[in-house]
Amino acid sequence: MTGAPVPFYLLRKEAGSEGAAGSSRNYRRHWSPIHLDLVVEDL
């Protein structure tokens, strides 16, 4: 997907499939020390 200064790649990965370091993916709200900020003209 384009329209931002860098492209976004949406990757289909099943819930429960293996993620990083042997953990399983889930799509409940999760915390990460890395997140993205979108700068907008009109918040």
All heavy atoms as atom14 arrays in JSON, in Angstrom:
{
  "sequence": "MTGAPVPFYLLRKEAGSEGAAGSSRNYRRHWSPIHLDLVVEDL",
  "atom14_mask": [
    [1, 1, 1, 1, 1, 1, 1, 1, 0, 0, 0, 0, 0, 0],
    [1, 1, 1, 1, 1, 1, 1, 0, 0, 0, 0, 0, 0, 0],
    [1, 1, 1, 1, 0, 0, 0, 0, 0, 0, 0, 0, 0, 0],
    [1, 1, 1, 1, 1, 0, 0, 0, 0, 0, 0, 0, 0, 0],
    [1, 1, 1, 1, 1, 1, 1, 0, 0, 0, 0, 0, 0, 0],
    [1, 1, 1, 1, 1, 1, 1, 0, 0, 0, 0, 0, 0, 0],
    [1, 1, 1, 1, 1, 1, 1, 0, 0, 0, 0, 0, 0, 0],
    [1, 1, 1, 1, 1, 1, 1, 1, 1, 1, 1, 0, 0, 0],
    [1, 1, 1, 1, 1, 1, 1, 1, 1, 1, 1, 1, 0, 0],
    [1, 1, 1, 1, 1, 1, 1, 1, 0, 0, 0, 0, 0, 0],
    [1, 1, 1, 1, 1, 1, 1, 1, 0, 0, 0, 0, 0, 0],
    [1, 1, 1, 1, 1, 1, 1, 1, 1, 1, 1, 0, 0, 0],
    [1, 1, 1, 1, 1, 1, 1, 1, 1, 0, 0, 0, 0, 0],
    [1, 1, 1, 1, 1, 1, 1, 1, 1, 0, 0, 0, 0, 0],
    [1, 1, 1, 1, 1, 0, 0, 0, 0, 0, 0, 0, 0, 0],
    [1, 1, 1, 1, 0, 0, 0, 0, 0, 0, 0, 0, 0, 0],
    [1, 1, 1, 1, 1, 1, 0, 0, 0, 0, 0, 0, 0, 0],
    [1, 1, 1, 1, 1, 1, 1, 1, 1, 0, 0, 0, 0, 0],
    [1, 1, 1, 1, 0, 0, 0, 0, 0, 0, 0, 0, 0, 0],
    [1, 1, 1, 1, 1, 0, 0, 0, 0, 0, 0, 0, 0, 0],
    [1, 1, 1, 1, 1, 0, 0, 0, 0, 0, 0, 0, 0, 0],
    [1, 1, 1, 1, 0, 0, 0, 0, 0, 0, 0, 0, 0, 0],
    [1, 1, 1, 1, 1, 1, 0, 0, 0, 0, 0, 0, 0, 0],
    [1, 1, 1, 1, 1, 1, 0, 0, 0, 0, 0, 0, 0, 0],
    [1, 1, 1, 1, 1, 1, 1, 1, 1, 1, 1, 0, 0, 0],
    [1, 1, 1, 1, 1, 1, 1, 1, 0, 0, 0, 0, 0, 0],
    [1, 1, 1, 1, 1, 1, 1, 1, 1, 1, 1, 1, 0, 0],
    [1, 1, 1, 1, 1, 1, 1, 1, 1, 1, 1, 0, 0, 0],
    [1, 1, 1, 1, 1, 1, 1, 1, 1, 1, 1, 0, 0, 0],
    [1, 1, 1, 1, 1, 1, 1, 1, 1, 1, 0, 0, 0, 0],
    [1, 1, 1, 1, 1, 1, 1, 1, 1, 1, 1, 1, 1, 1],
    [1, 1, 1, 1, 1, 1, 0, 0, 0, 0, 0, 0, 0, 0],
    [1, 1, 1, 1, 1, 1, 1, 0, 0, 0, 0, 0, 0, 0],
    [1, 1, 1, 1, 1, 1, 1, 1, 0, 0, 0, 0, 0, 0],
    [1, 1, 1, 1, 1, 1, 1, 1, 1, 1, 0, 0, 0, 0],
    [1, 1, 1, 1, 1, 1, 1, 1, 0, 0, 0, 0, 0, 0],
    [1, 1, 1, 1, 1, 1, 1, 1, 0, 0, 0, 0, 0, 0],
    [1, 1, 1, 1, 1, 1, 1, 1, 0, 0, 0, 0, 0, 0],
    [1, 1, 1, 1, 1, 1, 1, 0, 0, 0, 0, 0, 0, 0],
    [1, 1, 1, 1, 1, 1, 1, 0, 0, 0, 0, 0, 0, 0],
    [1, 1, 1, 1, 1, 1, 1, 1, 1, 0, 0, 0, 0, 0],
    [1, 1, 1, 1, 1, 1, 1, 1, 0, 0, 0, 0, 0, 0],
    [1, 1, 1, 1, 1, 1, 1, 1, 0, 0, 0, 0, 0, 0]
  ],
  "atom14_positions": [
    [[0.85, -1.18, 0.0], [0.0, 0.0, 0.0], [0.9, 1.24, 0.0], [1.9, 1.3, 0.7], [-0.94, -0.01, 1.19], [-1.9, -1.2, 1.14], [-3.34, -1.03, 2.19], [-4.36, 0.06, 1.2], [0.0, 0.0, 0.0], [0.0, 0.0, 0.0], [0.0, 0.0, 0.0], [0.0, 0.0, 0.0], [0.0, 0.0, 0.0], [0.0, 0.0, 0.0]],
    [[0.52, 2.2, -0.83], [1.3, 3.42, -0.98], [0.46, 4.63, -0.6], [-0.74, 4.53, -0.42], [1.82, 3.55, -2.42], [0.7, 3.57, -3.31], [2.75, 2.41, -2.78], [0.0, 0.0, 0.0], [0.0, 0.0, 0.0], [0.0, 0.0, 0.0], [0.0, 0.0, 0.0], [0.0, 0.0, 0.0], [0.0, 0.0, 0.0], [0.0, 0.0, 0.0]],
    [[1.12, 5.77, -0.5], [0.46, 7.01, -0.15], [1.11, 7.68, 1.05], [0.76, 8.79, 1.42], [0.0, 0.0, 0.0], [0.0, 0.0, 0.0], [0.0, 0.0, 0.0], [0.0, 0.0, 0.0], [0.0, 0.0, 0.0], [0.0, 0.0, 0.0], [0.0, 0.0, 0.0], [0.0, 0.0, 0.0], [0.0, 0.0, 0.0], [0.0, 0.0, 0.0]],
    [[2.06, 7.0, 1.65], [2.87, 7.55, 2.75], [4.29, 7.69, 2.22], [4.61, 7.17, 1.16], [2.81, 6.61, 3.96], [0.0, 0.0, 0.0], [0.0, 0.0, 0.0], [0.0, 0.0, 0.0], [0.0, 0.0, 0.0], [0.0, 0.0, 0.0], [0.0, 0.0, 0.0], [0.0, 0.0, 0.0], [0.0, 0.0, 0.0], [0.0, 0.0, 0.0]],
    [[5.17, 8.36, 2.95], [6.56, 8.5, 2.49], [7.29, 7.16, 2.3], [8.28, 7.1, 1.59], [7.22, 9.33, 3.58], [6.1, 10.11, 4.17], [4.92, 9.18, 4.14], [0.0, 0.0, 0.0], [0.0, 0.0, 0.0], [0.0, 0.0, 0.0], [0.0, 0.0, 0.0], [0.0, 0.0, 0.0], [0.0, 0.0, 0.0], [0.0, 0.0, 0.0]],
    [[6.82, 6.09, 2.95], [7.38, 4.75, 2.78], [6.23, 3.79, 2.51], [5.11, 4.01, 2.99], [8.2, 4.29, 4.01], [9.39, 5.19, 4.25], [7.34, 4.22, 5.24], [0.0, 0.0, 0.0], [0.0, 0.0, 0.0], [0.0, 0.0, 0.0], [0.0, 0.0, 0.0], [0.0, 0.0, 0.0], [0.0, 0.0, 0.0], [0.0, 0.0, 0.0]],
    [[6.48, 2.73, 1.75], [5.39, 1.79, 1.49], [5.06, 0.94, 2.7], [5.92, 0.63, 3.52], [5.94, 0.92, 0.34], [7.41, 1.05, 0.43], [7.7, 2.38, 1.04], [0.0, 0.0, 0.0], [0.0, 0.0, 0.0], [0.0, 0.0, 0.0], [0.0, 0.0, 0.0], [0.0, 0.0, 0.0], [0.0, 0.0, 0.0], [0.0, 0.0, 0.0]],
    [[3.8, 0.57, 2.8], [3.31, -0.35, 3.83], [3.08, -1.69, 3.15], [2.5, -1.74, 2.06], [1.95, 0.11, 4.37], [1.97, 1.25, 5.33], [2.69, 2.41, 5.08], [1.24, 1.17, 6.5], [2.67, 3.47, 5.97], [1.21, 2.23, 7.39], [1.93, 3.39, 7.13], [0.0, 0.0, 0.0], [0.0, 0.0, 0.0], [0.0, 0.0, 0.0]],
    [[3.5, -2.77, 3.77], [3.24, -4.11, 3.27], [2.38, -4.83, 4.29], [2.79, -5.05, 5.42], [4.55, -4.87, 3.03], [5.32, -4.29, 1.88], [6.22, -3.26, 2.08], [5.11, -4.74, 0.58], [6.91, -2.7, 1.02], [5.79, -4.18, -0.49], [6.69, -3.17, -0.26], [7.37, -2.61, -1.32], [0.0, 0.0, 0.0], [0.0, 0.0, 0.0]],
    [[1.17, -5.16, 3.89], [0.28, -5.94, 4.73], [0.54, -7.41, 4.43], [0.44, -7.83, 3.26], [-1.18, -5.58, 4.45], [-1.52, -4.09, 4.59], [-2.98, -3.85, 4.23], [-1.21, -3.59, 5.98], [0.0, 0.0, 0.0], [0.0, 0.0, 0.0], [0.0, 0.0, 0.0], [0.0, 0.0, 0.0], [0.0, 0.0, 0.0], [0.0, 0.0, 0.0]],
    [[0.9, -8.17, 5.44], [1.28, -9.57, 5.27], [0.28, -10.46, 6.0], [0.14, -10.35, 7.22], [2.68, -9.8, 5.82], [3.77, -8.85, 5.28], [5.08, -9.08, 6.01], [3.92, -9.02, 3.77], [0.0, 0.0, 0.0], [0.0, 0.0, 0.0], [0.0, 0.0, 0.0], [0.0, 0.0, 0.0], [0.0, 0.0, 0.0], [0.0, 0.0, 0.0]],
    [[-0.41, -11.32, 5.25], [-1.4, -12.2, 5.87], [-0.68, -13.32, 6.6], [0.06, -14.09, 6.01], [-2.36, -12.78, 4.83], [-3.54, -13.53, 5.48], [-4.49, -14.09, 4.46], [-3.85, -15.0, 3.52], [-3.48, -16.24, 3.8], [-3.65, -16.74, 5.01], [-2.93, -16.99, 2.87], [0.0, 0.0, 0.0], [0.0, 0.0, 0.0], [0.0, 0.0, 0.0]],
    [[-0.89, -13.35, 7.89], [-0.32, -14.38, 8.76], [-1.44, -14.85, 9.68], [-2.07, -14.04, 10.37], [0.83, -13.83, 9.62], [1.94, -13.14, 8.83], [2.8, -14.13, 8.12], [3.96, -13.4, 7.42], [4.87, -14.31, 6.78], [0.0, 0.0, 0.0], [0.0, 0.0, 0.0], [0.0, 0.0, 0.0], [0.0, 0.0, 0.0], [0.0, 0.0, 0.0]],
    [[-1.68, -16.13, 9.7], [-2.77, -16.68, 10.51], [-2.52, -16.47, 12.0], [-1.38, -16.59, 12.46], [-2.93, -18.18, 10.23], [-3.37, -18.51, 8.83], [-4.74, -17.98, 8.48], [-5.63, -17.96, 9.36], [-4.93, -17.56, 7.32], [0.0, 0.0, 0.0], [0.0, 0.0, 0.0], [0.0, 0.0, 0.0], [0.0, 0.0, 0.0], [0.0, 0.0, 0.0]],
    [[-3.6, -16.17, 12.72], [-3.5, -16.13, 14.18], [-3.06, -17.51, 14.65], [-3.49, -18.53, 14.11], [-4.86, -15.76, 14.78], [0.0, 0.0, 0.0], [0.0, 0.0, 0.0], [0.0, 0.0, 0.0], [0.0, 0.0, 0.0], [0.0, 0.0, 0.0], [0.0, 0.0, 0.0], [0.0, 0.0, 0.0], [0.0, 0.0, 0.0], [0.0, 0.0, 0.0]],
    [[-2.16, -17.54, 15.61], [-1.63, -18.79, 16.13], [-0.4, -19.29, 15.4], [0.28, -20.2, 15.89], [0.0, 0.0, 0.0], [0.0, 0.0, 0.0], [0.0, 0.0, 0.0], [0.0, 0.0, 0.0], [0.0, 0.0, 0.0], [0.0, 0.0, 0.0], [0.0, 0.0, 0.0], [0.0, 0.0, 0.0], [0.0, 0.0, 0.0], [0.0, 0.0, 0.0]],
    [[-0.08, -18.71, 14.23], [1.12, -19.14, 13.52], [2.35, -18.64, 14.27], [2.27, -17.72, 15.08], [1.1, -18.65, 12.07], [1.1, -17.24, 12.0], [0.0, 0.0, 0.0], [0.0, 0.0, 0.0], [0.0, 0.0, 0.0], [0.0, 0.0, 0.0], [0.0, 0.0, 0.0], [0.0, 0.0, 0.0], [0.0, 0.0, 0.0], [0.0, 0.0, 0.0]],
    [[3.5, -19.25, 13.97], [4.71, -18.9, 14.71], [5.19, -17.5, 14.35], [5.31, -17.14, 13.19], [5.83, -19.9, 14.43], [7.04, -19.64, 15.3], [8.11, -20.7, 15.17], [7.82, -21.8, 14.71], [9.26, -20.39, 15.54], [0.0, 0.0, 0.0], [0.0, 0.0, 0.0], [0.0, 0.0, 0.0], [0.0, 0.0, 0.0], [0.0, 0.0, 0.0]],
    [[5.44, -16.71, 15.38], [5.99, -15.37, 15.22], [7.45, -15.36, 15.64], [8.15, -16.37, 15.53], [0.0, 0.0, 0.0], [0.0, 0.0, 0.0], [0.0, 0.0, 0.0], [0.0, 0.0, 0.0], [0.0, 0.0, 0.0], [0.0, 0.0, 0.0], [0.0, 0.0, 0.0], [0.0, 0.0, 0.0], [0.0, 0.0, 0.0], [0.0, 0.0, 0.0]],
    [[7.91, -14.26, 16.15], [9.31, -14.11, 16.55], [9.61, -14.93, 17.8], [8.78, -15.05, 18.7], [9.61, -12.64, 16.81], [0.0, 0.0, 0.0], [0.0, 0.0, 0.0], [0.0, 0.0, 0.0], [0.0, 0.0, 0.0], [0.0, 0.0, 0.0], [0.0, 0.0, 0.0], [0.0, 0.0, 0.0], [0.0, 0.0, 0.0], [0.0, 0.0, 0.0]],
    [[10.81, -15.47, 17.83], [11.34, -16.18, 19.0], [10.4, -17.29, 19.49], [10.28, -17.52, 20.68], [11.65, -15.19, 20.13], [0.0, 0.0, 0.0], [0.0, 0.0, 0.0], [0.0, 0.0, 0.0], [0.0, 0.0, 0.0], [0.0, 0.0, 0.0], [0.0, 0.0, 0.0], [0.0, 0.0, 0.0], [0.0, 0.0, 0.0], [0.0, 0.0, 0.0]],
    [[9.72, -17.94, 18.54], [8.86, -19.06, 18.9], [7.51, -18.69, 19.49], [6.74, -19.56, 19.86], [0.0, 0.0, 0.0], [0.0, 0.0, 0.0], [0.0, 0.0, 0.0], [0.0, 0.0, 0.0], [0.0, 0.0, 0.0], [0.0, 0.0, 0.0], [0.0, 0.0, 0.0], [0.0, 0.0, 0.0], [0.0, 0.0, 0.0], [0.0, 0.0, 0.0]],
    [[7.22, -17.41, 19.58], [5.91, -17.01, 20.09], [4.86, -17.19, 19.0], [5.17, -17.27, 17.82], [5.93, -15.56, 20.57], [6.19, -14.7, 19.47], [0.0, 0.0, 0.0], [0.0, 0.0, 0.0], [0.0, 0.0, 0.0], [0.0, 0.0, 0.0], [0.0, 0.0, 0.0], [0.0, 0.0, 0.0], [0.0, 0.0, 0.0], [0.0, 0.0, 0.0]],
    [[3.6, -17.26, 19.4], [2.55, -17.38, 18.39], [1.86, -16.04, 18.21], [1.7, -15.26, 19.15], [1.55, -18.47, 18.79], [0.91, -18.14, 19.99], [0.0, 0.0, 0.0], [0.0, 0.0, 0.0], [0.0, 0.0, 0.0], [0.0, 0.0, 0.0], [0.0, 0.0, 0.0], [0.0, 0.0, 0.0], [0.0, 0.0, 0.0], [0.0, 0.0, 0.0]],
    [[1.46, -15.8, 16.96], [0.79, -14.53, 16.63], [-0.6, -14.5, 17.23], [-1.32, -15.49, 17.21], [0.67, -14.37, 15.13], [1.93, -14.01, 14.44], [1.68, -13.8, 12.94], [2.91, -13.44, 12.3], [3.84, -14.31, 11.9], [3.65, -15.6, 12.07], [4.95, -13.88, 11.35], [0.0, 0.0, 0.0], [0.0, 0.0, 0.0], [0.0, 0.0, 0.0]],
    [[-0.97, -13.33, 17.72], [-2.37, -13.09, 18.07], [-2.67, -11.66, 17.68], [-1.77, -10.83, 17.55], [-2.64, -13.36, 19.56], [-2.09, -12.28, 20.46], [-2.61, -11.16, 20.48], [-1.03, -12.6, 21.18], [0.0, 0.0, 0.0], [0.0, 0.0, 0.0], [0.0, 0.0, 0.0], [0.0, 0.0, 0.0], [0.0, 0.0, 0.0], [0.0, 0.0, 0.0]],
    [[-3.91, -11.39, 17.45], [-4.3, -10.06, 16.99], [-5.15, -9.33, 18.01], [-5.88, -8.41, 17.69], [-4.98, -10.17, 15.61], [-3.97, -10.63, 14.57], [-3.93, -11.93, 14.13], [-2.99, -9.74, 14.11], [-2.97, -12.35, 13.22], [-2.03, -10.14, 13.2], [-2.03, -11.46, 12.77], [-1.07, -11.86, 11.88], [0.0, 0.0, 0.0], [0.0, 0.0, 0.0]],
    [[-4.99, -9.71, 19.28], [-5.55, -8.91, 20.36], [-4.62, -7.72, 20.54], [-3.49, -7.72, 20.08], [-5.61, -9.73, 21.66], [-6.56, -10.91, 21.58], [-6.6, -11.68, 22.89], [-5.29, -12.07, 23.4], [-4.65, -13.2, 23.09], [-5.18, -14.05, 22.25], [-3.48, -13.46, 23.63], [0.0, 0.0, 0.0], [0.0, 0.0, 0.0], [0.0, 0.0, 0.0]],
    [[-5.06, -6.71, 21.24], [-4.21, -5.54, 21.49], [-2.96, -6.01, 22.22], [-3.03, -6.76, 23.19], [-4.97, -4.49, 22.31], [-4.16, -3.24, 22.61], [-3.8, -2.48, 21.33], [-3.15, -1.23, 21.62], [-1.86, -0.97, 21.36], [-1.09, -1.87, 20.81], [-1.36, 0.22, 21.66], [0.0, 0.0, 0.0], [0.0, 0.0, 0.0], [0.0, 0.0, 0.0]],
    [[-1.81, -5.61, 21.72], [-0.54, -5.99, 22.3], [0.36, -4.76, 22.38], [0.15, -3.77, 21.7], [0.13, -7.1, 21.49], [0.26, -6.76, 20.03], [-0.76, -7.0, 19.13], [1.24, -6.17, 19.32], [-0.37, -6.58, 17.92], [0.82, -6.07, 18.03], [0.0, 0.0, 0.0], [0.0, 0.0, 0.0], [0.0, 0.0, 0.0], [0.0, 0.0, 0.0]],
    [[1.33, -4.85, 23.23], [2.24, -3.73, 23.43], [3.57, -4.06, 22.77], [4.04, -5.2, 22.78], [2.47, -3.46, 24.91], [3.4, -2.33, 25.13], [3.07, -1.01, 25.16], [4.81, -2.38, 25.32], [4.2, -0.24, 25.36], [5.29, -1.07, 25.46], [5.73, -3.42, 25.38], [6.62, -0.76, 25.66], [7.06, -3.12, 25.58], [7.5, -1.79, 25.72]],
    [[4.18, -3.08, 22.19], [5.51, -3.21, 21.61], [6.25, -1.91, 21.88], [5.66, -0.84, 21.84], [5.42, -3.44, 20.1], [6.69, -3.33, 19.51], [0.0, 0.0, 0.0], [0.0, 0.0, 0.0], [0.0, 0.0, 0.0], [0.0, 0.0, 0.0], [0.0, 0.0, 0.0], [0.0, 0.0, 0.0], [0.0, 0.0, 0.0], [0.0, 0.0, 0.0]],
    [[7.55, -1.99, 22.13], [8.3, -0.75, 22.33], [8.48, 0.02, 21.02], [8.93, 1.15, 21.03], [9.64, -1.21, 22.9], [9.76, -2.63, 22.44], [8.37, -3.17, 22.35], [0.0, 0.0, 0.0], [0.0, 0.0, 0.0], [0.0, 0.0, 0.0], [0.0, 0.0, 0.0], [0.0, 0.0, 0.0], [0.0, 0.0, 0.0], [0.0, 0.0, 0.0]],
    [[8.1, -0.58, 19.9], [8.16, 0.11, 18.61], [6.73, 0.31, 18.12], [5.94, -0.62, 18.1], [8.95, -0.71, 17.58], [10.4, -0.88, 18.04], [8.88, -0.05, 16.21], [11.21, -1.79, 17.17], [0.0, 0.0, 0.0], [0.0, 0.0, 0.0], [0.0, 0.0, 0.0], [0.0, 0.0, 0.0], [0.0, 0.0, 0.0], [0.0, 0.0, 0.0]],
    [[6.42, 1.54, 17.76], [5.12, 1.81, 17.16], [5.33, 2.9, 16.1], [6.4, 3.48, 16.0], [4.08, 2.24, 18.2], [4.36, 3.57, 18.81], [5.2, 3.74, 19.88], [3.94, 4.81, 18.47], [5.28, 5.02, 20.18], [4.53, 5.7, 19.33], [0.0, 0.0, 0.0], [0.0, 0.0, 0.0], [0.0, 0.0, 0.0], [0.0, 0.0, 0.0]],
    [[4.3, 3.14, 15.33], [4.41, 4.12, 14.25], [3.57, 5.34, 14.57], [2.46, 5.23, 15.08], [3.95, 3.5, 12.93], [4.79, 2.31, 12.48], [4.18, 1.7, 11.23], [6.22, 2.72, 12.23], [0.0, 0.0, 0.0], [0.0, 0.0, 0.0], [0.0, 0.0, 0.0], [0.0, 0.0, 0.0], [0.0, 0.0, 0.0], [0.0, 0.0, 0.0]],
    [[4.12, 6.5, 14.26], [3.41, 7.77, 14.38], [3.11, 8.28, 12.97], [4.0, 8.29, 12.12], [4.27, 8.82, 15.09], [4.56, 8.5, 16.54], [3.88, 7.63, 17.11], [5.45, 9.13, 17.12], [0.0, 0.0, 0.0], [0.0, 0.0, 0.0], [0.0, 0.0, 0.0], [0.0, 0.0, 0.0], [0.0, 0.0, 0.0], [0.0, 0.0, 0.0]],
    [[1.9, 8.71, 12.76], [1.52, 9.33, 11.49], [1.32, 10.81, 11.74], [0.49, 11.2, 12.56], [0.24, 8.72, 10.94], [0.32, 7.24, 10.56], [-1.05, 6.74, 10.11], [1.35, 7.02, 9.48], [0.0, 0.0, 0.0], [0.0, 0.0, 0.0], [0.0, 0.0, 0.0], [0.0, 0.0, 0.0], [0.0, 0.0, 0.0], [0.0, 0.0, 0.0]],
    [[2.09, 11.63, 11.04], [1.96, 13.08, 11.16], [0.88, 13.53, 10.19], [0.92, 13.22, 9.0], [3.3, 13.78, 10.86], [3.14, 15.3, 10.95], [4.38, 13.3, 11.82], [0.0, 0.0, 0.0], [0.0, 0.0, 0.0], [0.0, 0.0, 0.0], [0.0, 0.0, 0.0], [0.0, 0.0, 0.0], [0.0, 0.0, 0.0], [0.0, 0.0, 0.0]],
    [[-0.11, 14.23, 10.72], [-1.26, 14.67, 9.93], [-1.41, 16.18, 10.04], [-0.93, 16.8, 10.99], [-2.56, 13.96, 10.4], [-2.44, 12.44, 10.2], [-2.88, 14.28, 11.85], [0.0, 0.0, 0.0], [0.0, 0.0, 0.0], [0.0, 0.0, 0.0], [0.0, 0.0, 0.0], [0.0, 0.0, 0.0], [0.0, 0.0, 0.0], [0.0, 0.0, 0.0]],
    [[-2.08, 16.77, 9.07], [-2.32, 18.21, 9.09], [-3.43, 18.59, 10.06], [-3.37, 19.62, 10.71], [-2.69, 18.7, 7.68], [-1.55, 18.63, 6.69], [-0.43, 19.6, 7.01], [-0.72, 20.74, 7.43], [0.74, 19.2, 6.88], [0.0, 0.0, 0.0], [0.0, 0.0, 0.0], [0.0, 0.0, 0.0], [0.0, 0.0, 0.0], [0.0, 0.0, 0.0]],
    [[-4.48, 17.74, 10.14], [-5.66, 18.03, 10.95], [-5.95, 16.8, 11.8], [-6.52, 15.82, 11.32], [-6.84, 18.37, 10.03], [-8.11, 18.7, 10.77], [-8.28, 18.3, 11.94], [-8.98, 19.35, 10.16], [0.0, 0.0, 0.0], [0.0, 0.0, 0.0], [0.0, 0.0, 0.0], [0.0, 0.0, 0.0], [0.0, 0.0, 0.0], [0.0, 0.0, 0.0]],
    [[-5.54, 16.84, 13.07], [-5.69, 15.69, 13.95], [-7.15, 15.29, 14.12], [-7.47, 14.1, 14.11], [-5.06, 15.98, 15.31], [-5.08, 14.81, 16.29], [-4.1, 13.74, 15.85], [-4.76, 15.27, 17.69], [0.0, 0.0, 0.0], [0.0, 0.0, 0.0], [0.0, 0.0, 0.0], [0.0, 0.0, 0.0], [0.0, 0.0, 0.0], [0.0, 0.0, 0.0]]
  ]
}
